[in-house]
Amino acid sequence: MKNIYKPIEATIEDIIDETPNIKTFVLKPREPFEFKTGQFIELTLPGIGEAPFTPSSDPNVKEKIDVTIMNVGRVTSLLHNVSKNTLVGIRGPYGKGYPTDEFAGKEILIVGGGVGLAPLRSLLLSLFAQIDQYKKVVLRYGARTPSDILYKELIPQWSKKKKVNVVTTVDVGEKSWKGHVGLVTTILEDLPIKLNNAVSIVCGPPIMMKFVTLKLLDLGFKPENIYLSMEKNMSCGLGKCGHCRLGKFYVCKDGPVFSYEQLQDVRDIWD
């Protein structure tokens, strides 16, 4: 019987500097590893600890996993200081991902903020692989400054794909920045989508998700058509420790992807 708490050993094959405080770690598990886009893993640094992350890579690729990590705490700080060929552990996958089967035939609006583009990258790659099943994919992404933009080389490639529309913005511009300046909500006007056949997916810092969700509701999106990728202290990954309780839900087990309809009556949803 499989030990659900035992990690699979993996090797860090590459480390990519994305921004001054965000890196992408390319992991090669000792055995093929499957996950659904939007699910998360517990990444273990042996002898140190573990932390939950949502893979940022294509779920169709089972031999390698990309995990994009911001340096924000003890485990992430130590991870940012490891080198290639370091051995780590992968536990999971856990939770419920994006219901991509339900998106078939629809126009899909994806709104990301900061490092929130990491799990959305996995979703985008999943959608790109079956783009003929969807009417359109619209990405709106915001970062604090141009240097904080994730996947700087990939975003221009995404914008050239068929049925894909991409706009980025930054809170604070600089002389070399020629794009939009303003919060991500400022680029949600005049969206090239038909609301009666659209769904939206939001991922980013809680305050960003709050105001994007309110904006989407104002635009006419129904709560059941707004999907949120929530983050809490998902320590065990199995709904046992209770640290990720959100109303009647456990984010690690019942999420991390929820519809806003599920959460709209939960108190302190954005805390």
Protein backbone atom coordinates (compact mmCIF):
# COMPACT_ATOMS: atom_id res chain seq x y z
CA MET A 1 0.00 0.00 0.00
CA LYS A 2 1.31 3.43 -0.98
CA ASN A 3 2.40 5.67 1.88
CA ILE A 4 0.55 8.93 1.18
CA TYR A 5 2.98 10.86 3.38
CA LYS A 6 6.17 9.58 1.75
CA PRO A 7 7.69 11.91 -0.85
CA ILE A 8 9.01 10.78 -4.23
CA GLU A 9 12.67 11.66 -4.62
CA ALA A 10 13.43 14.23 -7.33
CA THR A 11 16.51 16.04 -8.61
CA ILE A 12 16.68 19.76 -9.32
CA GLU A 13 17.84 19.76 -12.94
CA ASP A 14 17.76 23.49 -13.54
CA ILE A 15 17.11 26.75 -11.72
CA ILE A 16 15.81 29.74 -13.69
CA ASP A 17 15.94 33.27 -12.28
CA GLU A 18 12.58 34.82 -13.17
CA THR A 19 12.68 38.02 -11.08
CA PRO A 20 14.90 39.30 -8.25
CA ASN A 21 12.96 37.14 -5.74
CA ILE A 22 11.31 34.42 -7.85
CA LYS A 23 12.94 31.32 -9.34
CA THR A 24 11.64 28.39 -11.34
CA PHE A 25 12.96 24.98 -10.29
CA VAL A 26 12.93 22.23 -12.91
CA LEU A 27 12.48 18.93 -11.08
CA LYS A 28 13.06 15.44 -12.43
CA PRO A 29 11.23 12.84 -10.29
CA ARG A 30 12.67 9.34 -9.93
CA GLU A 31 9.40 8.04 -11.38
CA PRO A 32 6.77 9.60 -13.68
CA PHE A 33 4.62 12.07 -11.77
CA GLU A 34 1.09 13.01 -12.82
CA PHE A 35 -0.98 15.98 -11.74
CA LYS A 36 -3.97 17.94 -13.00
CA THR A 37 -3.52 21.63 -13.71
CA GLY A 38 -4.36 23.57 -10.57
CA GLN A 39 -3.51 20.79 -8.13
CA PHE A 40 -0.61 21.36 -5.72
CA ILE A 41 2.32 19.40 -4.33
CA GLU A 42 4.26 19.46 -1.08
CA LEU A 43 7.91 20.08 -1.94
CA THR A 44 10.32 18.68 0.64
CA LEU A 45 13.80 19.89 1.40
CA PRO A 46 15.18 16.85 3.27
CA GLY A 47 16.00 17.51 6.89
CA ILE A 48 14.59 21.04 6.68
CA GLY A 49 10.87 20.98 5.95
CA GLU A 50 8.31 21.22 3.21
CA ALA A 51 5.93 23.75 1.68
CA PRO A 52 3.00 23.63 -0.76
CA PHE A 53 3.39 24.81 -4.35
CA THR A 54 1.29 24.54 -7.47
CA PRO A 55 3.30 23.23 -10.45
CA SER A 56 3.76 25.76 -13.23
CA SER A 57 4.49 23.23 -15.97
CA ASP A 58 2.44 21.35 -18.54
CA PRO A 59 0.48 18.56 -16.82
CA ASN A 60 0.89 16.46 -19.96
CA VAL A 61 4.61 16.16 -19.22
CA LYS A 62 5.20 13.49 -16.58
CA GLU A 63 9.01 13.26 -16.62
CA LYS A 64 9.68 16.77 -15.30
CA ILE A 65 7.87 19.34 -13.16
CA ASP A 66 8.44 23.09 -13.04
CA VAL A 67 7.75 24.84 -9.74
CA THR A 68 8.00 28.63 -9.63
CA ILE A 69 8.78 29.84 -6.11
CA MET A 70 8.90 33.27 -4.47
CA ASN A 71 11.38 33.80 -1.64
CA VAL A 72 8.96 34.64 1.19
CA GLY A 73 9.75 32.34 4.13
CA ARG A 74 12.12 29.90 5.78
CA VAL A 75 11.76 26.95 3.39
CA THR A 76 11.54 29.11 0.28
CA SER A 77 14.62 31.09 1.35
CA LEU A 78 16.60 27.87 1.74
CA LEU A 79 15.31 26.59 -1.61
CA HIS A 80 16.51 29.79 -3.26
CA ASN A 81 20.01 29.00 -2.04
CA VAL A 82 20.30 25.41 -3.27
CA SER A 83 22.16 24.45 -6.43
CA LYS A 84 21.45 22.17 -9.37
CA ASN A 85 21.47 18.41 -8.69
CA THR A 86 20.12 18.93 -5.16
CA LEU A 87 17.80 16.13 -4.09
CA VAL A 88 14.31 17.10 -2.93
CA GLY A 89 11.04 15.29 -2.35
CA ILE A 90 7.62 15.62 -3.99
CA ARG A 91 4.46 14.65 -2.16
CA GLY A 92 1.07 14.63 -3.84
CA PRO A 93 -0.58 15.77 -5.99
CA TYR A 94 -3.34 17.09 -3.79
CA GLY A 95 -6.62 18.92 -4.12
CA LYS A 96 -8.87 19.79 -7.01
CA GLY A 97 -7.60 21.57 -10.08
CA TYR A 98 -9.18 23.66 -12.81
CA PRO A 99 -12.24 21.99 -14.38
CA THR A 100 -10.95 22.34 -17.94
CA ASP A 101 -13.52 19.87 -19.28
CA GLU A 102 -16.22 22.35 -18.30
CA PHE A 103 -14.46 25.11 -20.25
CA ALA A 104 -14.96 23.37 -23.63
CA GLY A 105 -16.65 25.61 -26.18
CA LYS A 106 -16.26 28.70 -23.98
CA GLU A 107 -14.25 31.91 -24.00
CA ILE A 108 -11.77 31.84 -21.13
CA LEU A 109 -10.55 34.93 -19.27
CA ILE A 110 -7.47 34.36 -17.11
CA VAL A 111 -6.40 37.11 -14.72
CA GLY A 112 -3.11 36.85 -12.88
CA GLY A 113 -1.13 39.00 -10.51
CA GLY A 114 2.55 38.67 -9.55
CA VAL A 115 3.65 35.12 -8.79
CA GLY A 116 0.01 34.07 -9.33
CA LEU A 117 0.94 33.62 -12.97
CA ALA A 118 2.86 30.46 -11.94
CA PRO A 119 -0.15 28.11 -11.52
CA LEU A 120 -1.85 29.91 -14.40
CA ARG A 121 1.08 29.01 -16.64
CA SER A 122 0.21 25.34 -16.11
CA LEU A 123 -3.40 26.10 -17.00
CA LEU A 124 -2.38 28.03 -20.10
CA LEU A 125 -0.13 25.21 -21.32
CA SER A 126 -2.98 22.76 -20.76
CA LEU A 127 -5.37 24.96 -22.75
CA PHE A 128 -2.85 25.58 -25.54
CA ALA A 129 -2.47 21.82 -26.01
CA GLN A 130 -6.20 21.57 -26.80
CA ILE A 131 -6.87 25.08 -28.08
CA ASP A 132 -9.40 23.89 -30.69
CA GLN A 133 -11.74 22.90 -27.85
CA TYR A 134 -12.09 26.51 -26.70
CA LYS A 135 -13.46 29.63 -28.35
CA LYS A 136 -10.78 31.98 -27.08
CA VAL A 137 -8.20 32.42 -24.30
CA VAL A 138 -7.74 35.95 -22.94
CA LEU A 139 -4.90 36.61 -20.48
CA ARG A 140 -4.65 39.76 -18.39
CA TYR A 141 -1.59 39.92 -16.15
CA GLY A 142 -0.27 42.53 -13.76
CA ALA A 143 3.03 42.86 -11.89
CA ARG A 144 4.43 45.50 -9.57
CA THR A 145 7.21 46.65 -11.91
CA PRO A 146 8.58 45.49 -15.29
CA SER A 147 11.37 43.57 -13.50
CA ASP A 148 8.73 41.68 -11.49
CA ILE A 149 7.03 40.23 -14.57
CA LEU A 150 7.20 36.43 -14.69
CA TYR A 151 8.08 34.47 -17.82
CA LYS A 152 9.26 37.55 -19.71
CA GLU A 153 10.36 35.50 -22.72
CA LEU A 154 7.25 33.31 -22.79
CA ILE A 155 4.50 35.93 -22.65
CA PRO A 156 5.30 37.36 -26.13
CA GLN A 157 5.22 33.80 -27.51
CA TRP A 158 1.81 33.18 -25.93
CA SER A 159 0.38 36.32 -27.49
CA LYS A 160 1.21 35.01 -30.97
CA LYS A 161 -0.78 31.81 -30.58
CA LYS A 162 -4.10 31.42 -32.35
CA LYS A 163 -7.22 32.25 -30.32
CA VAL A 164 -5.05 33.88 -27.63
CA ASN A 165 -5.16 37.54 -26.56
CA VAL A 166 -2.63 38.85 -24.01
CA VAL A 167 -2.29 42.21 -22.24
CA THR A 168 0.10 42.96 -19.38
CA THR A 169 0.35 45.92 -17.03
CA VAL A 170 2.60 47.13 -14.22
CA ASP A 171 1.77 49.18 -11.14
CA VAL A 172 4.87 51.32 -11.59
CA GLY A 173 6.49 51.84 -14.99
CA GLU A 174 9.94 52.95 -16.04
CA LYS A 175 11.43 54.73 -19.06
CA SER A 176 11.96 51.54 -21.07
CA TRP A 177 8.45 50.21 -20.36
CA LYS A 178 6.11 50.81 -23.31
CA GLY A 179 3.11 48.87 -22.02
CA HIS A 180 0.19 49.64 -19.74
CA VAL A 181 0.69 51.23 -16.33
CA GLY A 182 -1.94 50.64 -13.66
CA LEU A 183 -3.48 47.94 -11.54
CA VAL A 184 -4.61 44.79 -13.34
CA THR A 185 -8.24 45.87 -12.91
CA THR A 186 -7.54 48.75 -15.31
CA ILE A 187 -7.05 46.33 -18.21
CA LEU A 188 -10.32 44.49 -17.64
CA GLU A 189 -12.38 47.04 -19.54
CA ASP A 190 -13.49 46.37 -23.12
CA LEU A 191 -12.57 42.70 -22.96
CA PRO A 192 -12.75 40.90 -26.33
CA ILE A 193 -15.10 38.22 -25.00
CA LYS A 194 -18.80 37.48 -24.89
CA LEU A 195 -19.90 37.24 -21.27
CA ASN A 196 -22.80 34.91 -22.01
CA ASN A 197 -20.32 32.20 -22.98
CA ALA A 198 -17.32 32.98 -20.79
CA VAL A 199 -15.61 31.79 -17.63
CA SER A 200 -12.88 33.53 -15.69
CA ILE A 201 -9.97 32.25 -13.60
CA VAL A 202 -8.17 34.45 -11.06
CA CYS A 203 -4.91 33.85 -9.21
CA GLY A 204 -2.67 36.28 -7.35
CA PRO A 205 -2.25 38.06 -4.01
CA PRO A 206 -5.46 38.07 -1.92
CA ILE A 207 -6.05 41.83 -2.25
CA MET A 208 -5.67 41.60 -6.04
CA MET A 209 -8.04 38.63 -6.21
CA LYS A 210 -10.61 40.51 -4.13
CA PHE A 211 -10.76 43.55 -6.38
CA VAL A 212 -10.53 41.53 -9.60
CA THR A 213 -13.45 39.39 -8.44
CA LEU A 214 -15.51 42.49 -7.62
CA LYS A 215 -14.63 43.92 -11.04
CA LEU A 216 -15.67 40.72 -12.80
CA LEU A 217 -18.99 40.76 -10.97
CA ASP A 218 -19.50 44.37 -12.05
CA LEU A 219 -18.75 43.37 -15.65
CA GLY A 220 -21.50 40.75 -15.48
CA PHE A 221 -19.71 37.49 -14.70
CA LYS A 222 -21.84 35.15 -12.61
CA PRO A 223 -20.34 33.82 -9.35
CA GLU A 224 -20.44 30.26 -10.66
CA ASN A 225 -18.32 31.31 -13.65
CA ILE A 226 -15.51 32.88 -11.62
CA TYR A 227 -12.85 30.41 -10.48
CA LEU A 228 -10.38 31.31 -7.75
CA SER A 229 -7.09 29.61 -6.94
CA MET A 230 -6.92 29.99 -3.16
CA GLU A 231 -3.87 29.70 -0.94
CA LYS A 232 -3.82 28.87 2.74
CA ASN A 233 -1.41 27.08 5.08
CA MET A 234 -1.84 23.68 3.43
CA SER A 235 0.46 21.76 5.77
CA CYS A 236 -0.70 18.15 5.51
CA GLY A 237 -2.37 18.27 2.10
CA LEU A 238 -5.04 15.83 3.24
CA GLY A 239 -7.54 17.87 5.23
CA LYS A 240 -6.31 16.45 8.53
CA CYS A 241 -4.43 19.25 10.27
CA GLY A 242 -7.07 21.95 9.82
CA HIS A 243 -4.61 24.77 9.11
CA CYS A 244 -6.19 25.60 5.76
CA ARG A 245 -9.80 25.78 6.93
CA LEU A 246 -11.89 28.24 4.92
CA GLY A 247 -15.46 28.28 6.18
CA LYS A 248 -16.73 24.74 5.81
CA PHE A 249 -13.97 23.90 3.34
CA TYR A 250 -10.40 22.66 3.60
CA VAL A 251 -8.43 24.36 0.84
CA CYS A 252 -6.03 21.43 0.47
CA LYS A 253 -8.81 18.89 -0.03
CA ASP A 254 -11.81 20.81 -1.41
CA GLY A 255 -9.67 23.26 -3.42
CA PRO A 256 -7.36 24.96 -4.02
CA VAL A 257 -9.59 25.84 -6.99
CA PHE A 258 -13.06 27.04 -6.01
CA SER A 259 -15.82 28.88 -7.79
CA TYR A 260 -16.72 32.21 -6.25
CA GLU A 261 -20.23 30.83 -5.84
CA GLN A 262 -18.82 28.33 -3.34
CA LEU A 263 -17.01 30.97 -1.31
CA GLN A 264 -19.05 34.14 -1.63
CA ASP A 265 -20.71 33.69 1.78
CA VAL A 266 -17.53 32.71 3.62
CA ARG A 267 -16.39 35.32 6.10
CA ASP A 268 -12.88 36.73 5.70
CA ILE A 269 -12.38 34.91 2.40
CA TRP A 270 -9.48 37.19 1.43
CA ASP A 271 -7.55 37.04 4.72
